[in-house]
Amino acid sequence: MKTGRIAAAIGMVVGGALAAQSVLAQTVPFPTAARRYQAWMVRAMDQCSASTVSVVGTGLPSNGCAQTNATTDSEITMKVARLTISKATGKMALFGRGFVFGNRVSARLTLRVTKQGQATSPAPGSNSVTFTDATIMCPNAPFWFVARQAGTLAGSIKLSDCLQQNGDASGLSTGNIEILDAELVNIDSGKVFARPGILR
């Protein structure tokens, strides 16, 4: 009986070690350079979940929806908007024109951050760790970007400050930062009015 218990205990230890190793076995290297994230923004539209119109034309689906902006914002005007995040400065910047004086705007970002060289437990040593996705308003209340009298919008803020404003760890501002989603939000309506895209 004693021999059996010892063997079971050894099995648990070995199994735990193997499990810890398997957690870390799929590590792949980071890229060598990703210096700047830049996104030109296009107008956000409601999703077409059920067709309401037939479309006559070549190279297009035969059905679609009339453009609506009910779940998306219909108040803010915009001619041009560009969102950037710089490795060099650690800042997110927003530039735009065609807005109305006093429009209050923020960027909503969803980030997935992986950092190398983290001390972990139970896996020993220095390891790469991916943290839970963080969705942040950048900037957060009450530091919104506000359109100027000429209808232009220009503002910047450190990504680390945005994280802190949202109650997230500022250390997530460095590492392998995946930008899973980026949206511009009209603070007064609470709705999205722009997303990354192209206009052609």
N, C-alpha and C. Protein backbone atom coordinates (compact mmCIF):
# COMPACT_ATOMS: atom_id res chain seq x y z
N MET A 1 0.82 -1.21 0.00
CA MET A 1 0.00 0.00 0.00
C MET A 1 0.85 1.25 0.00
N LYS A 2 1.93 1.24 0.87
CA LYS A 2 2.80 2.41 0.97
C LYS A 2 3.50 2.66 -0.36
N THR A 3 3.95 1.57 -1.00
CA THR A 3 4.62 1.70 -2.30
C THR A 3 3.68 2.29 -3.34
N GLY A 4 2.40 1.88 -3.28
CA GLY A 4 1.41 2.39 -4.23
C GLY A 4 1.19 3.88 -4.06
N ARG A 5 1.14 4.33 -2.77
CA ARG A 5 0.92 5.77 -2.52
C ARG A 5 2.10 6.59 -3.01
N ILE A 6 3.32 6.08 -2.81
CA ILE A 6 4.52 6.78 -3.27
C ILE A 6 4.51 6.90 -4.79
N ALA A 7 4.16 5.80 -5.45
CA ALA A 7 4.11 5.81 -6.91
C ALA A 7 3.07 6.79 -7.42
N ALA A 8 1.93 6.86 -6.73
CA ALA A 8 0.88 7.80 -7.14
C ALA A 8 1.34 9.24 -6.97
N ALA A 9 2.03 9.51 -5.85
CA ALA A 9 2.53 10.86 -5.59
C ALA A 9 3.54 11.28 -6.64
N ILE A 10 4.47 10.34 -6.98
CA ILE A 10 5.46 10.63 -8.01
C ILE A 10 4.77 10.92 -9.34
N GLY A 11 3.74 10.13 -9.62
CA GLY A 11 3.00 10.33 -10.87
C GLY A 11 2.35 11.70 -10.95
N MET A 12 1.82 12.17 -9.81
CA MET A 12 1.19 13.49 -9.78
C MET A 12 2.22 14.59 -10.01
N VAL A 13 3.39 14.46 -9.38
CA VAL A 13 4.45 15.46 -9.55
C VAL A 13 4.92 15.51 -11.00
N VAL A 14 5.20 14.33 -11.56
CA VAL A 14 5.66 14.26 -12.95
C VAL A 14 4.60 14.78 -13.89
N GLY A 15 3.35 14.39 -13.63
CA GLY A 15 2.26 14.85 -14.48
C GLY A 15 2.09 16.36 -14.43
N GLY A 16 2.24 16.93 -13.22
CA GLY A 16 2.14 18.38 -13.09
C GLY A 16 3.25 19.08 -13.83
N ALA A 17 4.46 18.54 -13.75
CA ALA A 17 5.59 19.14 -14.45
C ALA A 17 5.39 19.09 -15.95
N LEU A 18 4.91 17.95 -16.44
CA LEU A 18 4.65 17.82 -17.87
C LEU A 18 3.57 18.79 -18.32
N ALA A 19 2.54 18.97 -17.45
CA ALA A 19 1.46 19.90 -17.80
C ALA A 19 1.98 21.32 -17.89
N ALA A 20 2.86 21.68 -16.93
CA ALA A 20 3.45 23.02 -16.95
C ALA A 20 4.29 23.21 -18.20
N GLN A 21 5.05 22.16 -18.59
CA GLN A 21 5.87 22.25 -19.79
C GLN A 21 5.00 22.40 -21.03
N SER A 22 3.87 21.68 -21.06
CA SER A 22 3.00 21.73 -22.23
C SER A 22 2.37 23.11 -22.39
N VAL A 23 2.14 23.81 -21.27
CA VAL A 23 1.59 25.16 -21.34
C VAL A 23 2.55 26.08 -22.06
N LEU A 24 3.87 25.86 -21.85
CA LEU A 24 4.89 26.74 -22.41
C LEU A 24 5.47 26.24 -23.72
N ALA A 25 5.05 25.05 -24.16
CA ALA A 25 5.70 24.41 -25.30
C ALA A 25 5.40 25.10 -26.62
N GLN A 26 4.30 25.88 -26.71
CA GLN A 26 3.88 26.45 -27.98
C GLN A 26 4.33 27.89 -28.17
N THR A 27 5.36 28.32 -27.45
CA THR A 27 5.86 29.68 -27.58
C THR A 27 6.49 29.89 -28.94
N VAL A 28 6.11 30.98 -29.62
CA VAL A 28 6.70 31.35 -30.91
C VAL A 28 7.33 32.73 -30.76
N PRO A 29 8.35 33.06 -31.56
CA PRO A 29 9.04 34.33 -31.40
C PRO A 29 8.20 35.53 -31.85
N PHE A 30 8.48 36.68 -31.26
CA PHE A 30 7.86 37.93 -31.68
C PHE A 30 8.47 38.36 -33.02
N PRO A 31 7.77 39.22 -33.78
CA PRO A 31 8.40 39.80 -34.97
C PRO A 31 9.54 40.73 -34.55
N THR A 32 10.39 41.08 -35.49
CA THR A 32 11.54 41.93 -35.16
C THR A 32 11.21 43.42 -35.21
N ALA A 33 10.13 43.80 -35.90
CA ALA A 33 9.79 45.23 -35.98
C ALA A 33 8.30 45.41 -36.24
N ALA A 34 7.69 46.31 -35.49
CA ALA A 34 6.31 46.77 -35.73
C ALA A 34 6.25 48.16 -35.09
N ARG A 35 6.65 49.17 -35.84
CA ARG A 35 6.95 50.48 -35.26
C ARG A 35 5.74 51.39 -35.11
N ARG A 36 4.71 51.16 -35.91
CA ARG A 36 3.61 52.13 -35.90
C ARG A 36 2.32 51.48 -36.38
N TYR A 37 1.26 51.71 -35.63
CA TYR A 37 -0.07 51.30 -36.06
C TYR A 37 -0.77 52.53 -36.61
N GLN A 38 -1.31 52.40 -37.80
CA GLN A 38 -2.03 53.52 -38.41
C GLN A 38 -3.30 53.02 -39.08
N ALA A 39 -4.39 53.70 -38.84
CA ALA A 39 -5.66 53.29 -39.43
C ALA A 39 -6.43 54.52 -39.89
N TRP A 40 -6.76 54.53 -41.18
CA TRP A 40 -7.70 55.53 -41.69
C TRP A 40 -9.10 55.03 -41.34
N MET A 41 -9.96 55.96 -40.96
CA MET A 41 -11.28 55.57 -40.45
C MET A 41 -12.36 55.85 -41.49
N VAL A 42 -13.28 54.91 -41.62
CA VAL A 42 -14.46 55.09 -42.48
C VAL A 42 -15.71 55.11 -41.61
N ARG A 43 -16.82 55.52 -42.21
CA ARG A 43 -18.06 55.64 -41.46
C ARG A 43 -18.54 54.28 -40.99
N ALA A 44 -18.97 54.20 -39.75
CA ALA A 44 -19.52 52.96 -39.19
C ALA A 44 -21.00 52.87 -39.54
N MET A 45 -21.41 51.71 -40.04
CA MET A 45 -22.80 51.47 -40.41
C MET A 45 -23.37 50.32 -39.60
N ASP A 46 -24.71 50.28 -39.50
CA ASP A 46 -25.36 49.14 -38.87
C ASP A 46 -25.14 47.88 -39.70
N GLN A 47 -25.03 46.76 -39.03
CA GLN A 47 -24.87 45.48 -39.72
C GLN A 47 -26.14 45.12 -40.48
N CYS A 48 -25.96 44.52 -41.65
CA CYS A 48 -27.10 44.01 -42.42
C CYS A 48 -27.29 42.55 -42.05
N SER A 49 -28.21 42.28 -41.16
CA SER A 49 -28.43 40.91 -40.70
C SER A 49 -29.57 40.21 -41.45
N ALA A 50 -30.48 41.00 -42.01
CA ALA A 50 -31.58 40.43 -42.80
C ALA A 50 -31.87 41.39 -43.95
N SER A 51 -31.77 40.90 -45.17
CA SER A 51 -31.91 41.75 -46.36
C SER A 51 -33.26 42.45 -46.41
N THR A 52 -33.22 43.71 -46.85
CA THR A 52 -34.47 44.48 -46.98
C THR A 52 -34.67 45.01 -48.39
N VAL A 53 -33.63 44.97 -49.24
CA VAL A 53 -33.76 45.46 -50.61
C VAL A 53 -33.09 44.49 -51.56
N SER A 54 -33.57 44.50 -52.81
CA SER A 54 -32.91 43.77 -53.89
C SER A 54 -31.98 44.73 -54.62
N VAL A 55 -30.86 44.22 -55.08
CA VAL A 55 -29.86 45.06 -55.74
C VAL A 55 -29.69 44.60 -57.17
N VAL A 56 -29.76 45.54 -58.10
CA VAL A 56 -29.57 45.25 -59.52
C VAL A 56 -28.18 45.75 -59.92
N GLY A 57 -27.30 44.86 -60.27
CA GLY A 57 -25.94 45.25 -60.64
C GLY A 57 -25.07 44.04 -60.78
N THR A 58 -23.97 44.19 -61.52
CA THR A 58 -23.06 43.08 -61.74
C THR A 58 -21.96 43.10 -60.67
N GLY A 59 -21.53 41.91 -60.31
CA GLY A 59 -20.45 41.78 -59.35
C GLY A 59 -20.84 42.09 -57.93
N LEU A 60 -22.14 42.12 -57.64
CA LEU A 60 -22.63 42.42 -56.29
C LEU A 60 -23.62 41.35 -55.84
N PRO A 61 -23.78 41.17 -54.53
CA PRO A 61 -24.86 40.29 -54.06
C PRO A 61 -26.21 40.84 -54.52
N SER A 62 -27.17 39.96 -54.68
CA SER A 62 -28.48 40.38 -55.20
C SER A 62 -29.36 41.01 -54.12
N ASN A 63 -28.97 40.88 -52.86
CA ASN A 63 -29.76 41.43 -51.76
C ASN A 63 -28.87 42.17 -50.78
N GLY A 64 -29.47 43.13 -50.08
CA GLY A 64 -28.74 43.88 -49.07
C GLY A 64 -29.72 44.63 -48.18
N CYS A 65 -29.22 45.63 -47.49
CA CYS A 65 -30.04 46.46 -46.60
C CYS A 65 -29.84 47.93 -46.95
N ALA A 66 -30.89 48.69 -46.84
CA ALA A 66 -30.73 50.14 -46.96
C ALA A 66 -29.86 50.61 -45.81
N GLN A 67 -28.95 51.55 -46.11
CA GLN A 67 -28.05 52.04 -45.07
C GLN A 67 -28.84 52.59 -43.89
N THR A 68 -28.47 52.14 -42.70
CA THR A 68 -29.08 52.68 -41.48
C THR A 68 -27.99 52.96 -40.46
N ASN A 69 -28.27 53.93 -39.62
CA ASN A 69 -27.38 54.28 -38.51
C ASN A 69 -28.22 54.46 -37.26
N ALA A 70 -28.67 53.30 -36.75
CA ALA A 70 -29.48 53.28 -35.53
C ALA A 70 -28.64 52.79 -34.36
N THR A 71 -27.99 51.64 -34.54
CA THR A 71 -27.08 51.15 -33.50
C THR A 71 -25.73 51.86 -33.58
N THR A 72 -25.41 52.40 -34.75
CA THR A 72 -24.23 53.24 -34.91
C THR A 72 -24.67 54.70 -34.88
N ASP A 73 -23.70 55.60 -34.75
CA ASP A 73 -24.00 57.02 -34.57
C ASP A 73 -24.44 57.68 -35.88
N SER A 74 -25.40 58.58 -35.78
CA SER A 74 -25.89 59.33 -36.94
C SER A 74 -25.74 60.83 -36.76
N GLU A 75 -25.06 61.26 -35.70
CA GLU A 75 -24.99 62.69 -35.37
C GLU A 75 -23.68 63.35 -35.81
N ILE A 76 -22.57 62.71 -35.54
CA ILE A 76 -21.27 63.33 -35.84
C ILE A 76 -21.01 63.30 -37.34
N THR A 77 -20.52 64.43 -37.86
CA THR A 77 -20.06 64.49 -39.24
C THR A 77 -18.55 64.29 -39.24
N MET A 78 -18.03 63.77 -40.35
CA MET A 78 -16.59 63.49 -40.44
C MET A 78 -16.20 63.45 -41.90
N LYS A 79 -15.15 64.18 -42.24
CA LYS A 79 -14.60 64.10 -43.59
C LYS A 79 -13.40 63.16 -43.62
N VAL A 80 -12.51 63.32 -42.65
CA VAL A 80 -11.29 62.52 -42.59
C VAL A 80 -10.96 62.26 -41.13
N ALA A 81 -10.50 61.04 -40.82
CA ALA A 81 -9.99 60.75 -39.48
C ALA A 81 -8.93 59.67 -39.58
N ARG A 82 -7.87 59.84 -38.81
CA ARG A 82 -6.77 58.89 -38.83
C ARG A 82 -6.29 58.64 -37.40
N LEU A 83 -6.15 57.37 -37.07
CA LEU A 83 -5.73 56.95 -35.73
C LEU A 83 -4.34 56.33 -35.83
N THR A 84 -3.43 56.74 -34.97
CA THR A 84 -2.09 56.16 -34.97
C THR A 84 -1.66 55.82 -33.54
N ILE A 85 -0.81 54.80 -33.43
CA ILE A 85 -0.15 54.47 -32.16
C ILE A 85 1.32 54.27 -32.49
N SER A 86 2.19 54.99 -31.79
CA SER A 86 3.61 55.00 -32.11
C SER A 86 4.42 54.24 -31.06
N LYS A 87 5.32 53.39 -31.53
CA LYS A 87 6.25 52.72 -30.63
C LYS A 87 7.21 53.73 -30.01
N ALA A 88 7.65 54.70 -30.81
CA ALA A 88 8.67 55.64 -30.36
C ALA A 88 8.19 56.50 -29.20
N THR A 89 6.95 57.00 -29.29
CA THR A 89 6.43 57.90 -28.25
C THR A 89 5.55 57.20 -27.24
N GLY A 90 5.03 56.01 -27.61
CA GLY A 90 4.09 55.32 -26.74
C GLY A 90 2.73 55.97 -26.70
N LYS A 91 2.46 56.86 -27.68
CA LYS A 91 1.22 57.62 -27.68
C LYS A 91 0.25 57.16 -28.76
N MET A 92 -1.04 57.27 -28.44
CA MET A 92 -2.10 57.16 -29.43
C MET A 92 -2.47 58.57 -29.84
N ALA A 93 -2.60 58.80 -31.15
CA ALA A 93 -2.97 60.13 -31.64
C ALA A 93 -4.15 60.01 -32.59
N LEU A 94 -5.01 61.01 -32.57
CA LEU A 94 -6.17 61.05 -33.46
C LEU A 94 -6.19 62.40 -34.17
N PHE A 95 -6.28 62.34 -35.49
CA PHE A 95 -6.35 63.55 -36.31
C PHE A 95 -7.58 63.45 -37.19
N GLY A 96 -8.30 64.56 -37.34
CA GLY A 96 -9.49 64.53 -38.18
C GLY A 96 -9.94 65.93 -38.56
N ARG A 97 -10.83 65.99 -39.54
CA ARG A 97 -11.47 67.25 -39.92
C ARG A 97 -12.88 66.96 -40.43
N GLY A 98 -13.68 68.02 -40.51
CA GLY A 98 -15.07 67.85 -40.91
C GLY A 98 -16.00 67.61 -39.74
N PHE A 99 -15.51 67.85 -38.54
CA PHE A 99 -16.33 67.70 -37.34
C PHE A 99 -17.03 69.02 -37.03
N VAL A 100 -17.88 69.00 -36.04
CA VAL A 100 -18.58 70.21 -35.57
C VAL A 100 -17.94 70.65 -34.26
N PHE A 101 -17.74 71.95 -34.12
CA PHE A 101 -17.13 72.51 -32.93
C PHE A 101 -17.81 71.95 -31.67
N GLY A 102 -17.00 71.40 -30.78
CA GLY A 102 -17.53 70.87 -29.52
C GLY A 102 -17.80 69.39 -29.52
N ASN A 103 -17.76 68.73 -30.71
CA ASN A 103 -17.92 67.27 -30.73
C ASN A 103 -16.90 66.61 -29.80
N ARG A 104 -17.37 65.67 -28.96
CA ARG A 104 -16.50 64.97 -28.02
C ARG A 104 -16.30 63.53 -28.50
N VAL A 105 -15.04 63.15 -28.63
CA VAL A 105 -14.70 61.88 -29.28
C VAL A 105 -13.69 61.12 -28.43
N SER A 106 -13.81 59.79 -28.46
CA SER A 106 -12.82 58.92 -27.85
C SER A 106 -12.63 57.70 -28.74
N ALA A 107 -11.47 57.06 -28.63
CA ALA A 107 -11.22 55.82 -29.34
C ALA A 107 -11.41 54.65 -28.38
N ARG A 108 -12.15 53.65 -28.83
CA ARG A 108 -12.31 52.43 -28.04
C ARG A 108 -11.42 51.35 -28.65
N LEU A 109 -10.44 50.91 -27.89
CA LEU A 109 -9.45 49.94 -28.36
C LEU A 109 -9.60 48.63 -27.60
N THR A 110 -9.46 47.53 -28.33
CA THR A 110 -9.38 46.22 -27.69
C THR A 110 -7.99 45.67 -27.95
N LEU A 111 -7.26 45.44 -26.87
CA LEU A 111 -5.85 45.05 -26.95
C LEU A 111 -5.64 43.64 -26.39
N ARG A 112 -4.73 42.91 -27.01
CA ARG A 112 -4.27 41.63 -26.48
C ARG A 112 -2.75 41.72 -26.38
N VAL A 113 -2.23 41.67 -25.18
CA VAL A 113 -0.81 41.94 -24.95
C VAL A 113 -0.09 40.68 -24.46
N THR A 114 1.04 40.42 -25.09
CA THR A 114 1.93 39.33 -24.67
C THR A 114 3.28 39.93 -24.32
N LYS A 115 3.80 39.55 -23.16
CA LYS A 115 5.07 40.07 -22.70
C LYS A 115 6.06 38.94 -22.43
N GLN A 116 7.28 39.14 -22.84
CA GLN A 116 8.34 38.16 -22.62
C GLN A 116 9.00 38.38 -21.27
N GLY A 117 9.72 37.35 -20.83
CA GLY A 117 10.54 37.48 -19.64
C GLY A 117 9.79 37.68 -18.34
N GLN A 118 8.63 37.02 -18.22
CA GLN A 118 7.82 37.16 -17.01
C GLN A 118 8.05 35.96 -16.08
N ALA A 119 8.26 36.25 -14.80
CA ALA A 119 8.37 35.18 -13.81
C ALA A 119 6.98 34.63 -13.55
N THR A 120 6.82 33.32 -13.68
CA THR A 120 5.50 32.70 -13.58
C THR A 120 5.51 31.55 -12.58
N SER A 121 4.33 31.18 -12.13
CA SER A 121 4.13 30.04 -11.24
C SER A 121 2.84 29.34 -11.67
N PRO A 122 2.78 28.01 -11.73
CA PRO A 122 3.80 27.05 -11.27
C PRO A 122 4.92 26.82 -12.27
N ALA A 123 4.79 27.28 -13.51
CA ALA A 123 5.87 27.07 -14.48
C ALA A 123 7.09 27.88 -14.05
N PRO A 124 8.21 27.25 -13.87
CA PRO A 124 9.39 27.97 -13.35
C PRO A 124 10.09 28.78 -14.43
N GLY A 125 10.92 29.71 -14.01
CA GLY A 125 11.78 30.44 -14.93
C GLY A 125 11.11 31.67 -15.51
N SER A 126 11.68 32.15 -16.61
CA SER A 126 11.22 33.37 -17.28
C SER A 126 10.47 32.98 -18.54
N ASN A 127 9.21 33.39 -18.65
CA ASN A 127 8.35 32.92 -19.72
C ASN A 127 7.58 34.05 -20.39
N SER A 128 7.06 33.77 -21.58
CA SER A 128 6.16 34.70 -22.26
C SER A 128 4.75 34.50 -21.74
N VAL A 129 4.06 35.60 -21.49
CA VAL A 129 2.71 35.53 -20.93
C VAL A 129 1.76 36.39 -21.77
N THR A 130 0.62 35.83 -22.15
CA THR A 130 -0.45 36.59 -22.81
C THR A 130 -1.50 36.93 -21.76
N PHE A 131 -1.85 38.21 -21.67
CA PHE A 131 -2.79 38.67 -20.67
C PHE A 131 -4.21 38.73 -21.24
N THR A 132 -5.18 38.81 -20.35
CA THR A 132 -6.58 38.91 -20.75
C THR A 132 -6.78 40.15 -21.61
N ASP A 133 -7.60 40.03 -22.66
CA ASP A 133 -7.88 41.17 -23.53
C ASP A 133 -8.40 42.36 -22.73
N ALA A 134 -7.93 43.53 -23.09
CA ALA A 134 -8.36 44.76 -22.42
C ALA A 134 -9.07 45.67 -23.42
N THR A 135 -10.28 46.09 -23.10
CA THR A 135 -11.01 47.06 -23.92
C THR A 135 -11.05 48.38 -23.17
N ILE A 136 -10.50 49.42 -23.78
CA ILE A 136 -10.32 50.69 -23.09
C ILE A 136 -10.86 51.84 -23.93
N MET A 137 -11.34 52.87 -23.25
CA MET A 137 -11.66 54.14 -23.89
C MET A 137 -10.41 55.01 -23.80
N CYS A 138 -10.00 55.55 -24.93
CA CYS A 138 -8.73 56.28 -24.97
C CYS A 138 -8.92 57.61 -25.72
N PRO A 139 -8.97 58.73 -24.99
CA PRO A 139 -8.91 58.84 -23.53
C PRO A 139 -10.24 58.53 -22.88
N ASN A 140 -10.21 58.37 -21.55
CA ASN A 140 -11.43 58.12 -20.79
C ASN A 140 -11.87 59.40 -20.10
N ALA A 141 -13.08 59.39 -19.55
CA ALA A 141 -13.66 60.57 -18.91
C ALA A 141 -12.73 61.14 -17.86
N PRO A 142 -12.62 62.44 -17.75
CA PRO A 142 -13.28 63.48 -18.55
C PRO A 142 -12.37 64.07 -19.61
N PHE A 143 -11.39 63.28 -20.07
CA PHE A 143 -10.34 63.82 -20.93
C PHE A 143 -10.60 63.57 -22.41
N TRP A 144 -11.81 63.78 -22.87
CA TRP A 144 -12.18 63.48 -24.25
C TRP A 144 -11.41 64.38 -25.23
N PHE A 145 -11.27 63.91 -26.48
CA PHE A 145 -10.81 64.77 -27.56
C PHE A 145 -12.00 65.63 -27.99
N VAL A 146 -11.79 66.92 -28.14
CA VAL A 146 -12.88 67.85 -28.48
C VAL A 146 -12.56 68.56 -29.78
N ALA A 147 -13.53 68.59 -30.70
CA ALA A 147 -13.34 69.26 -31.99
C ALA A 147 -13.18 70.76 -31.80
N ARG A 148 -12.26 71.35 -32.56
CA ARG A 148 -11.99 72.77 -32.47
C ARG A 148 -13.00 73.56 -33.31
N GLN A 149 -12.91 74.87 -33.20
CA GLN A 149 -13.87 75.74 -33.87
C GLN A 149 -13.84 75.55 -35.39
N ALA A 150 -12.66 75.24 -35.93
CA ALA A 150 -12.53 75.04 -37.37
C ALA A 150 -13.01 73.66 -37.81
N GLY A 151 -13.47 72.84 -36.88
CA GLY A 151 -13.95 71.51 -37.22
C GLY A 151 -12.86 70.46 -37.26
N THR A 152 -11.67 70.83 -36.82
CA THR A 152 -10.57 69.87 -36.79
C THR A 152 -10.50 69.17 -35.44
N LEU A 153 -9.89 68.01 -35.47
CA LEU A 153 -9.73 67.22 -34.25
C LEU A 153 -8.27 66.77 -34.20
N ALA A 154 -7.59 67.09 -33.13
CA ALA A 154 -6.18 66.69 -32.99
C ALA A 154 -5.88 66.50 -31.51
N GLY A 155 -5.50 65.29 -31.16
CA GLY A 155 -5.19 65.01 -29.77
C GLY A 155 -4.32 63.78 -29.66
N SER A 156 -3.58 63.70 -28.57
CA SER A 156 -2.75 62.52 -28.33
C SER A 156 -2.70 62.25 -26.84
N ILE A 157 -2.43 61.00 -26.50
CA ILE A 157 -2.35 60.58 -25.11
C ILE A 157 -1.51 59.32 -25.05
N LYS A 158 -0.74 59.15 -23.99
CA LYS A 158 0.05 57.94 -23.83
C LYS A 158 -0.86 56.74 -23.61
N LEU A 159 -0.51 55.64 -24.26
CA LEU A 159 -1.30 54.42 -24.11
C LEU A 159 -1.30 53.97 -22.65
N SER A 160 -0.19 54.16 -21.96
CA SER A 160 -0.12 53.79 -20.54
C SER A 160 -1.11 54.60 -19.71
N ASP A 161 -1.30 55.88 -20.05
CA ASP A 161 -2.27 56.71 -19.34
C ASP A 161 -3.70 56.24 -19.60
N CYS A 162 -3.98 55.86 -20.85
CA CYS A 162 -5.31 55.33 -21.18
C CYS A 162 -5.62 54.09 -20.36
N LEU A 163 -4.65 53.20 -20.27
CA LEU A 163 -4.85 51.98 -19.50
C LEU A 163 -5.15 52.30 -18.04
N GLN A 164 -4.39 53.21 -17.46
CA GLN A 164 -4.61 53.59 -16.07
C GLN A 164 -5.97 54.25 -15.88
N GLN A 165 -6.37 55.10 -16.81
CA GLN A 165 -7.68 55.76 -16.73
C GLN A 165 -8.82 54.75 -16.71
N ASN A 166 -8.60 53.58 -17.34
CA ASN A 166 -9.63 52.54 -17.41
C ASN A 166 -9.48 51.48 -16.33
N GLY A 167 -8.53 51.69 -15.41
CA GLY A 167 -8.33 50.73 -14.33
C GLY A 167 -7.53 49.51 -14.71
N ASP A 168 -6.79 49.59 -15.84
CA ASP A 168 -5.95 48.48 -16.27
C ASP A 168 -4.48 48.78 -15.96
N ALA A 169 -3.66 47.76 -15.97
CA ALA A 169 -2.24 47.92 -15.64
C ALA A 169 -1.52 48.66 -16.76
N SER A 170 -0.76 49.70 -16.39
CA SER A 170 -0.04 50.50 -17.39
C SER A 170 1.04 49.70 -18.09
N GLY A 171 1.49 48.60 -17.46
CA GLY A 171 2.51 47.75 -18.07
C GLY A 171 2.05 47.08 -19.36
N LEU A 172 0.74 47.09 -19.62
CA LEU A 172 0.22 46.51 -20.86
C LEU A 172 0.47 47.43 -22.06
N SER A 173 1.14 48.55 -21.83
CA SER A 173 1.44 49.48 -22.93
C SER A 173 2.71 49.08 -23.68
N THR A 174 3.38 48.02 -23.25
CA THR A 174 4.55 47.52 -23.97
C THR A 174 4.41 46.01 -24.16
N GLY A 175 5.17 45.49 -25.14
CA GLY A 175 5.12 44.07 -25.45
C GLY A 175 4.63 43.86 -26.86
N ASN A 176 4.15 42.67 -27.14
CA ASN A 176 3.54 42.34 -28.42
C ASN A 176 2.06 42.72 -28.31
N ILE A 177 1.71 43.92 -28.81
CA ILE A 177 0.37 44.48 -28.60
C ILE A 177 -0.47 44.25 -29.85
N GLU A 178 -1.42 43.34 -29.76
CA GLU A 178 -2.37 43.13 -30.86
C GLU A 178 -3.53 44.11 -30.69
N ILE A 179 -3.84 44.83 -31.75
CA ILE A 179 -5.00 45.73 -31.72
C ILE A 179 -6.14 44.99 -32.40
N LEU A 180 -6.96 44.35 -31.59
CA LEU A 180 -8.03 43.50 -32.11
C LEU A 180 -9.18 44.32 -32.67
N ASP A 181 -9.39 45.51 -32.12
CA ASP A 181 -10.50 46.35 -32.58
C ASP A 181 -10.17 47.80 -32.27
N ALA A 182 -10.62 48.70 -33.14
CA ALA A 182 -10.44 50.13 -32.93
C ALA A 182 -11.68 50.84 -33.47
N GLU A 183 -12.33 51.62 -32.64
CA GLU A 183 -13.55 52.32 -33.03
C GLU A 183 -13.50 53.75 -32.49
N LEU A 184 -14.10 54.68 -33.21
CA LEU A 184 -14.27 56.02 -32.70
C LEU A 184 -15.69 56.18 -32.19
N VAL A 185 -15.82 56.75 -31.00
CA VAL A 185 -17.11 56.83 -30.32
C VAL A 185 -17.51 58.29 -30.12
N ASN A 186 -18.76 58.59 -30.44
CA ASN A 186 -19.36 59.89 -30.11
C ASN A 186 -19.76 59.83 -28.63
N ILE A 187 -19.08 60.60 -27.81
CA ILE A 187 -19.32 60.53 -26.37
C ILE A 187 -20.75 60.96 -26.02
N ASP A 188 -21.30 61.89 -26.78
CA ASP A 188 -22.63 62.40 -26.45
C ASP A 188 -23.74 61.39 -26.76
N SER A 189 -23.56 60.56 -27.78
CA SER A 189 -24.57 59.54 -28.09
C SER A 189 -24.18 58.18 -27.53
N GLY A 190 -22.88 58.00 -27.26
CA GLY A 190 -22.40 56.71 -26.78
C GLY A 190 -22.27 55.68 -27.88
N LYS A 191 -22.38 56.11 -29.15
CA LYS A 191 -22.38 55.17 -30.27
C LYS A 191 -21.12 55.32 -31.12
N VAL A 192 -20.78 54.23 -31.82
CA VAL A 192 -19.63 54.21 -32.70
C VAL A 192 -19.96 54.94 -33.99
N PHE A 193 -19.02 55.80 -34.45
CA PHE A 193 -19.26 56.49 -35.72
C PHE A 193 -18.19 56.20 -36.76
N ALA A 194 -17.08 55.56 -36.39
CA ALA A 194 -16.06 55.26 -37.38
C ALA A 194 -15.26 54.04 -36.98
N ARG A 195 -14.83 53.29 -38.02
CA ARG A 195 -13.99 52.12 -37.83
C ARG A 195 -12.90 52.12 -38.90
N PRO A 196 -11.80 51.36 -38.69
CA PRO A 196 -10.74 51.31 -39.70
C PRO A 196 -11.24 50.75 -41.02
N GLY A 197 -10.76 51.33 -42.11
CA GLY A 197 -11.17 50.85 -43.41
C GLY A 197 -10.57 51.68 -44.52
N ILE A 198 -11.06 51.47 -45.74
CA ILE A 198 -10.66 52.26 -46.90
C ILE A 198 -11.91 52.73 -47.63
N LEU A 199 -11.76 53.82 -48.37
CA LEU A 199 -12.86 54.37 -49.17
C LEU A 199 -12.38 54.40 -50.61
N ARG A 200 -12.99 53.58 -51.45
CA ARG A 200 -12.54 53.53 -52.83
C ARG A 200 -13.71 53.23 -53.78
